Amino acid sequence: MSPRALVLLAGVAVVAFGLDQLSKYLVTTHIGLNESVPVLGEFLQLHYVTNSGAAFSLGTGFTWVYSIVAALVIVFIVWFSRRIRSLGWATMFGLVLGGAVGNVTDRLTRPPGFGVGHVVDFIQVYAFPAIFNVADIAVSSAMGLFLLLTLRNIRLDGTRDKSSAYATKLPAGEKSSAAPLHDHPAGD
């Protein structure tokens, strides 16, 4: 277990959750439901809506399923976190955890009731087909970081998998001048 990675994961999750819940509080107390407030003209608006489904309002009749799936994701990340030593992976899992807790909090505490509450969405970008929130941004950012770490072959312990087909191969006898990929001190 890496205490630094664990602290980073928890810190990122708390910040993502806090920003999500604060922004939802501000929107629900200062903007009327289905009301729009321009931020950057038509390009970026705050448009307060509620969403009983998943992304793009898909599966609106399965809100309780999303609550269960999100709860399972949260439990998995908390259980799995002791294996993470890489600060990059800790950041990725922290973003997912904070976003999942943010949206599941809505599903558990908002109308119409426990487990089937509607998520508060309010960020509308011109020509983007969905309205979203800070928790969604955290999860989407985590997926981008996941792709980057995977493409760079970074393992959960912070080392690079050199056996991968995508790993950079050096000619025989040539040494790499790159710094090690460890982002934690030895012995963590």
C-alpha atoms as a PDB file:
ATOM      1  CA  MET A   1       0.000   0.000   0.000  1.00  0.00           C
ATOM      2  CA  SER A   2       1.245   3.507  -0.815  1.00  0.00           C
ATOM      3  CA  PRO A   3       0.112   6.111   1.713  1.00  0.00           C
ATOM      4  CA  ARG A   4       0.848   8.934  -0.755  1.00  0.00           C
ATOM      5  CA  ALA A   5      -1.311   7.360  -3.467  1.00  0.00           C
ATOM      6  CA  LEU A   6      -4.095   6.631  -0.973  1.00  0.00           C
ATOM      7  CA  VAL A   7      -4.061  10.212   0.352  1.00  0.00           C
ATOM      8  CA  LEU A   8      -4.073  11.569  -3.212  1.00  0.00           C
ATOM      9  CA  LEU A   9      -6.966   9.295  -4.223  1.00  0.00           C
ATOM     10  CA  ALA A  10      -8.985  10.388  -1.174  1.00  0.00           C
ATOM     11  CA  GLY A  11      -8.104  14.059  -1.663  1.00  0.00           C
ATOM     12  CA  VAL A  12      -9.090  14.061  -5.342  1.00  0.00           C
ATOM     13  CA  ALA A  13     -12.344  12.266  -4.482  1.00  0.00           C
ATOM     14  CA  VAL A  14     -13.198  14.751  -1.722  1.00  0.00           C
ATOM     15  CA  VAL A  15     -12.443  17.761  -3.961  1.00  0.00           C
ATOM     16  CA  ALA A  16     -14.466  16.347  -6.882  1.00  0.00           C
ATOM     17  CA  PHE A  17     -17.387  15.483  -4.587  1.00  0.00           C
ATOM     18  CA  GLY A  18     -17.221  18.844  -2.815  1.00  0.00           C
ATOM     19  CA  LEU A  19     -17.154  20.870  -6.041  1.00  0.00           C
ATOM     20  CA  ASP A  20     -20.006  18.780  -7.442  1.00  0.00           C
ATOM     21  CA  GLN A  21     -22.250  19.191  -4.409  1.00  0.00           C
ATOM     22  CA  LEU A  22     -21.416  22.897  -3.961  1.00  0.00           C
ATOM     23  CA  SER A  23     -22.163  23.649  -7.613  1.00  0.00           C
ATOM     24  CA  LYS A  24     -25.454  21.705  -7.426  1.00  0.00           C
ATOM     25  CA  TYR A  25     -26.425  23.579  -4.257  1.00  0.00           C
ATOM     26  CA  LEU A  26     -25.714  26.951  -5.912  1.00  0.00           C
ATOM     27  CA  VAL A  27     -27.656  26.009  -9.037  1.00  0.00           C
ATOM     28  CA  THR A  28     -30.690  24.653  -7.179  1.00  0.00           C
ATOM     29  CA  THR A  29     -30.878  27.676  -4.873  1.00  0.00           C
ATOM     30  CA  HIS A  30     -30.248  30.412  -7.460  1.00  0.00           C
ATOM     31  CA  ILE A  31     -31.656  29.118 -10.765  1.00  0.00           C
ATOM     32  CA  GLY A  32     -35.174  27.905 -11.417  1.00  0.00           C
ATOM     33  CA  LEU A  33     -35.788  24.429 -12.807  1.00  0.00           C
ATOM     34  CA  ASN A  34     -35.530  24.494 -16.635  1.00  0.00           C
ATOM     35  CA  GLU A  35     -34.169  28.059 -16.499  1.00  0.00           C
ATOM     36  CA  SER A  36     -31.024  29.062 -18.453  1.00  0.00           C
ATOM     37  CA  VAL A  37     -28.373  31.592 -17.480  1.00  0.00           C
ATOM     38  CA  PRO A  38     -25.828  32.536 -20.170  1.00  0.00           C
ATOM     39  CA  VAL A  39     -22.194  32.364 -19.049  1.00  0.00           C
ATOM     40  CA  LEU A  40     -20.463  32.764 -22.435  1.00  0.00           C
ATOM     41  CA  GLY A  41     -23.436  33.681 -24.603  1.00  0.00           C
ATOM     42  CA  GLU A  42     -24.931  30.634 -26.285  1.00  0.00           C
ATOM     43  CA  PHE A  43     -21.625  28.738 -26.152  1.00  0.00           C
ATOM     44  CA  LEU A  44     -21.816  28.012 -22.401  1.00  0.00           C
ATOM     45  CA  GLN A  45     -24.957  28.235 -20.311  1.00  0.00           C
ATOM     46  CA  LEU A  46     -26.144  27.106 -16.922  1.00  0.00           C
ATOM     47  CA  HIS A  47     -29.394  25.282 -17.654  1.00  0.00           C
ATOM     48  CA  TYR A  48     -30.858  23.599 -14.577  1.00  0.00           C
ATOM     49  CA  VAL A  49     -32.541  20.271 -15.315  1.00  0.00           C
ATOM     50  CA  THR A  50     -32.954  16.995 -13.456  1.00  0.00           C
ATOM     51  CA  ASN A  51     -32.087  13.638 -14.941  1.00  0.00           C
ATOM     52  CA  SER A  52     -33.535  10.304 -13.848  1.00  0.00           C
ATOM     53  CA  GLY A  53     -31.436   8.358 -16.355  1.00  0.00           C
ATOM     54  CA  ALA A  54     -27.798   7.882 -17.164  1.00  0.00           C
ATOM     55  CA  ALA A  55     -25.702   9.971 -19.569  1.00  0.00           C
ATOM     56  CA  PHE A  56     -27.755  11.574 -22.323  1.00  0.00           C
ATOM     57  CA  SER A  57     -30.886  10.729 -20.238  1.00  0.00           C
ATOM     58  CA  LEU A  58     -30.720   7.098 -21.368  1.00  0.00           C
ATOM     59  CA  GLY A  59     -32.639   4.509 -19.349  1.00  0.00           C
ATOM     60  CA  THR A  60     -34.864   6.903 -17.430  1.00  0.00           C
ATOM     61  CA  GLY A  61     -36.890   3.999 -16.049  1.00  0.00           C
ATOM     62  CA  PHE A  62     -33.877   2.336 -14.436  1.00  0.00           C
ATOM     63  CA  THR A  63     -32.783   4.947 -11.884  1.00  0.00           C
ATOM     64  CA  TRP A  64     -32.564   2.374  -9.066  1.00  0.00           C
ATOM     65  CA  VAL A  65     -30.217   0.238 -11.220  1.00  0.00           C
ATOM     66  CA  TYR A  66     -27.844   3.196 -11.648  1.00  0.00           C
ATOM     67  CA  SER A  67     -27.905   3.719  -7.885  1.00  0.00           C
ATOM     68  CA  ILE A  68     -26.875   0.098  -7.294  1.00  0.00           C
ATOM     69  CA  VAL A  69     -24.171   0.168 -10.000  1.00  0.00           C
ATOM     70  CA  ALA A  70     -22.737   3.426  -8.626  1.00  0.00           C
ATOM     71  CA  ALA A  71     -22.719   1.993  -5.093  1.00  0.00           C
ATOM     72  CA  LEU A  72     -20.863  -1.097  -6.368  1.00  0.00           C
ATOM     73  CA  VAL A  73     -18.301   1.105  -8.169  1.00  0.00           C
ATOM     74  CA  ILE A  74     -17.734   3.056  -4.947  1.00  0.00           C
ATOM     75  CA  VAL A  75     -17.269  -0.129  -2.896  1.00  0.00           C
ATOM     76  CA  PHE A  76     -14.895  -1.565  -5.518  1.00  0.00           C
ATOM     77  CA  ILE A  77     -12.700   1.555  -5.598  1.00  0.00           C
ATOM     78  CA  VAL A  78     -12.484   1.723  -1.807  1.00  0.00           C
ATOM     79  CA  TRP A  79     -11.598  -2.002  -1.644  1.00  0.00           C
ATOM     80  CA  PHE A  80      -9.160  -1.825  -4.584  1.00  0.00           C
ATOM     81  CA  SER A  81      -7.413   1.396  -3.506  1.00  0.00           C
ATOM     82  CA  ARG A  82      -4.874  -0.404  -1.300  1.00  0.00           C
ATOM     83  CA  ARG A  83      -3.259  -1.862  -4.441  1.00  0.00           C
ATOM     84  CA  ILE A  84      -2.579   1.491  -6.102  1.00  0.00           C
ATOM     85  CA  ARG A  85       0.923   2.931  -5.854  1.00  0.00           C
ATOM     86  CA  SER A  86       0.927   5.188  -8.911  1.00  0.00           C
ATOM     87  CA  LEU A  87      -0.086   8.810  -8.384  1.00  0.00           C
ATOM     88  CA  GLY A  88      -1.575   8.866 -11.888  1.00  0.00           C
ATOM     89  CA  TRP A  89      -3.819   5.879 -11.182  1.00  0.00           C
ATOM     90  CA  ALA A  90      -4.676   7.307  -7.754  1.00  0.00           C
ATOM     91  CA  THR A  91      -5.835  10.517  -9.438  1.00  0.00           C
ATOM     92  CA  MET A  92      -7.885   8.548 -11.971  1.00  0.00           C
ATOM     93  CA  PHE A  93      -9.626   6.436  -9.321  1.00  0.00           C
ATOM     94  CA  GLY A  94     -10.148   9.520  -7.123  1.00  0.00           C
ATOM     95  CA  LEU A  95     -11.949  11.301  -9.964  1.00  0.00           C
ATOM     96  CA  VAL A  96     -14.199   8.283 -10.560  1.00  0.00           C
ATOM     97  CA  LEU A  97     -14.892   7.917  -6.842  1.00  0.00           C
ATOM     98  CA  GLY A  98     -15.724  11.604  -6.348  1.00  0.00           C
ATOM     99  CA  GLY A  99     -17.968  11.675  -9.421  1.00  0.00           C
ATOM    100  CA  ALA A 100     -19.749   8.454  -8.509  1.00  0.00           C
ATOM    101  CA  VAL A 101     -20.368   9.588  -4.933  1.00  0.00           C
ATOM    102  CA  GLY A 102     -21.625  12.954  -6.220  1.00  0.00           C
ATOM    103  CA  ASN A 103     -24.224  11.468  -8.526  1.00  0.00           C
ATOM    104  CA  VAL A 104     -25.237   8.638  -6.184  1.00  0.00           C
ATOM    105  CA  THR A 105     -25.788  11.249  -3.463  1.00  0.00           C
ATOM    106  CA  ASP A 106     -28.367  12.861  -5.751  1.00  0.00           C
ATOM    107  CA  ARG A 107     -30.012   9.493  -6.417  1.00  0.00           C
ATOM    108  CA  LEU A 108     -30.247   8.770  -2.701  1.00  0.00           C
ATOM    109  CA  THR A 109     -31.296  12.202  -1.408  1.00  0.00           C
ATOM    110  CA  ARG A 110     -33.225  14.059  -4.108  1.00  0.00           C
ATOM    111  CA  PRO A 111     -36.864  13.724  -5.182  1.00  0.00           C
ATOM    112  CA  PRO A 112     -38.744  11.628  -6.025  1.00  0.00           C
ATOM    113  CA  GLY A 113     -37.182   9.388  -3.354  1.00  0.00           C
ATOM    114  CA  PHE A 114     -34.401   7.256  -1.940  1.00  0.00           C
ATOM    115  CA  GLY A 115     -32.546   5.331  -4.652  1.00  0.00           C
ATOM    116  CA  VAL A 116     -34.577   6.859  -7.471  1.00  0.00           C
ATOM    117  CA  GLY A 117     -33.710  10.538  -7.021  1.00  0.00           C
ATOM    118  CA  HIS A 118     -32.998  12.641 -10.065  1.00  0.00           C
ATOM    119  CA  VAL A 119     -29.474  13.943 -10.673  1.00  0.00           C
ATOM    120  CA  VAL A 120     -29.023  17.711 -10.994  1.00  0.00           C
ATOM    121  CA  ASP A 121     -27.476  18.657 -14.354  1.00  0.00           C
ATOM    122  CA  PHE A 122     -26.757  22.247 -15.349  1.00  0.00           C
ATOM    123  CA  ILE A 123     -23.777  22.695 -17.697  1.00  0.00           C
ATOM    124  CA  GLN A 124     -24.834  23.152 -21.310  1.00  0.00           C
ATOM    125  CA  VAL A 125     -22.255  23.590 -24.066  1.00  0.00           C
ATOM    126  CA  TYR A 126     -23.338  24.725 -27.520  1.00  0.00           C
ATOM    127  CA  ALA A 127     -23.962  21.799 -29.919  1.00  0.00           C
ATOM    128  CA  PHE A 128     -23.190  19.200 -27.235  1.00  0.00           C
ATOM    129  CA  PRO A 129     -26.136  16.788 -27.032  1.00  0.00           C
ATOM    130  CA  ALA A 130     -26.341  16.598 -23.225  1.00  0.00           C
ATOM    131  CA  ILE A 131     -26.491  18.764 -20.132  1.00  0.00           C
ATOM    132  CA  PHE A 132     -24.085  17.588 -17.440  1.00  0.00           C
ATOM    133  CA  ASN A 133     -22.601  18.394 -14.020  1.00  0.00           C
ATOM    134  CA  VAL A 134     -19.248  18.513 -12.211  1.00  0.00           C
ATOM    135  CA  ALA A 135     -19.460  14.812 -11.241  1.00  0.00           C
ATOM    136  CA  ASP A 136     -19.808  13.953 -14.930  1.00  0.00           C
ATOM    137  CA  ILE A 137     -16.751  16.095 -15.714  1.00  0.00           C
ATOM    138  CA  ALA A 138     -14.761  14.218 -13.044  1.00  0.00           C
ATOM    139  CA  VAL A 139     -15.732  10.800 -14.432  1.00  0.00           C
ATOM    140  CA  SER A 140     -15.066  11.877 -18.043  1.00  0.00           C
ATOM    141  CA  SER A 141     -11.672  13.318 -17.060  1.00  0.00           C
ATOM    142  CA  ALA A 142     -10.885  10.037 -15.308  1.00  0.00           C
ATOM    143  CA  MET A 143     -11.641   8.131 -18.495  1.00  0.00           C
ATOM    144  CA  GLY A 144      -9.257  10.380 -20.427  1.00  0.00           C
ATOM    145  CA  LEU A 145      -6.569   9.784 -17.800  1.00  0.00           C
ATOM    146  CA  PHE A 146      -7.314   6.038 -17.932  1.00  0.00           C
ATOM    147  CA  LEU A 147      -6.662   6.044 -21.685  1.00  0.00           C
ATOM    148  CA  LEU A 148      -3.437   8.021 -21.263  1.00  0.00           C
ATOM    149  CA  LEU A 149      -2.089   5.741 -18.521  1.00  0.00           C
ATOM    150  CA  THR A 150      -3.089   2.638 -20.475  1.00  0.00           C
ATOM    151  CA  LEU A 151      -1.533   3.852 -23.722  1.00  0.00           C
ATOM    152  CA  ARG A 152       1.658   4.692 -21.842  1.00  0.00           C
ATOM    153  CA  ASN A 153       1.602   1.185 -20.276  1.00  0.00           C
ATOM    154  CA  ILE A 154       1.730   2.525 -16.730  1.00  0.00           C
ATOM    155  CA  ARG A 155       0.948  -0.141 -14.156  1.00  0.00           C
ATOM    156  CA  LEU A 156      -0.859   0.432 -10.862  1.00  0.00           C
ATOM    157  CA  ASP A 157       2.530   0.459  -9.106  1.00  0.00           C
ATOM    158  CA  GLY A 158       3.798   3.276 -11.356  1.00  0.00           C
ATOM    159  CA  THR A 159       6.180   1.177 -13.444  1.00  0.00           C
ATOM    160  CA  ARG A 160       5.900   0.804 -17.190  1.00  0.00           C
ATOM    161  CA  ASP A 161       4.961  -2.571 -18.686  1.00  0.00           C
ATOM    162  CA  LYS A 162       7.828  -3.171 -21.128  1.00  0.00           C
ATOM    163  CA  SER A 163       6.431  -6.497 -22.329  1.00  0.00           C
ATOM    164  CA  SER A 164       3.510  -4.787 -24.039  1.00  0.00           C
ATOM    165  CA  ALA A 165       3.329  -4.668 -27.817  1.00  0.00           C
ATOM    166  CA  TYR A 166       3.091  -0.882 -27.512  1.00  0.00           C
ATOM    167  CA  ALA A 167       6.153  -0.440 -25.312  1.00  0.00           C
ATOM    168  CA  THR A 168       9.034   1.406 -26.938  1.00  0.00           C
ATOM    169  CA  LYS A 169      11.795  -0.991 -27.981  1.00  0.00           C
ATOM    170  CA  LEU A 170      15.383   0.240 -28.018  1.00  0.00           C
ATOM    171  CA  PRO A 171      18.043  -1.260 -30.298  1.00  0.00           C
ATOM    172  CA  ALA A 172      20.219  -3.921 -28.641  1.00  0.00           C
ATOM    173  CA  GLY A 173      22.836  -2.422 -26.349  1.00  0.00           C
ATOM    174  CA  GLU A 174      21.247   1.060 -26.262  1.00  0.00           C
ATOM    175  CA  LYS A 175      20.167   2.447 -22.889  1.00  0.00           C
ATOM    176  CA  SER A 176      17.255   4.762 -22.330  1.00  0.00           C
ATOM    177  CA  SER A 177      18.013   8.253 -21.038  1.00  0.00           C
ATOM    178  CA  ALA A 178      14.473   8.615 -19.730  1.00  0.00           C
ATOM    179  CA  ALA A 179      13.905   8.975 -16.007  1.00  0.00           C
ATOM    180  CA  PRO A 180      12.274   6.058 -14.231  1.00  0.00           C
ATOM    181  CA  LEU A 181       8.479   6.105 -14.217  1.00  0.00           C
ATOM    182  CA  HIS A 182       8.202   5.456 -10.496  1.00  0.00           C
ATOM    183  CA  ASP A 183       6.227   8.251  -8.919  1.00  0.00           C
ATOM    184  CA  HIS A 184       6.700   6.938  -5.411  1.00  0.00           C
ATOM    185  CA  PRO A 185       9.742   6.280  -3.274  1.00  0.00           C
ATOM    186  CA  ALA A 186      10.983   2.710  -3.071  1.00  0.00           C
ATOM    187  CA  GLY A 187       9.408   0.707  -0.307  1.00  0.00           C
ATOM    188  CA  ASP A 188       5.971   2.327  -0.436  1.00  0.00           C
END
